[in-house]
Amino acid sequence: MQLQPDKDFLIKLAHTKMPFGKYKDRFLINLPEHYVVWYRNKGFPKGKLGEMLETVYTLKVNGLEDLIWNIKKQYPSK
């Protein structure tokens, strides 16, 4: 069984900005890696934001940020 990423989730992730804190209004994929690692060590928030930050962490650790940048180009926000 092969797991498929949720297309709608990734499109939403590509266009979601940090809603609070030092990096408020910065796209999640553009958050500094040290900040995302800090969240991982502290514990991601509950809910959709936490899921997105955890996904950003996984993408950054594996050098896959280009996937989200390409999604942003392919599916511009409305």
Foldseek 3Di string as FASTA:
>chain_A
DDDDDDLVLLLVLLVDADCDDPRGPHRLLPPDLVVLVVCVVVDADDDSRSVSSVVSNVCVVVVNSVVSVVSCVVDPDD
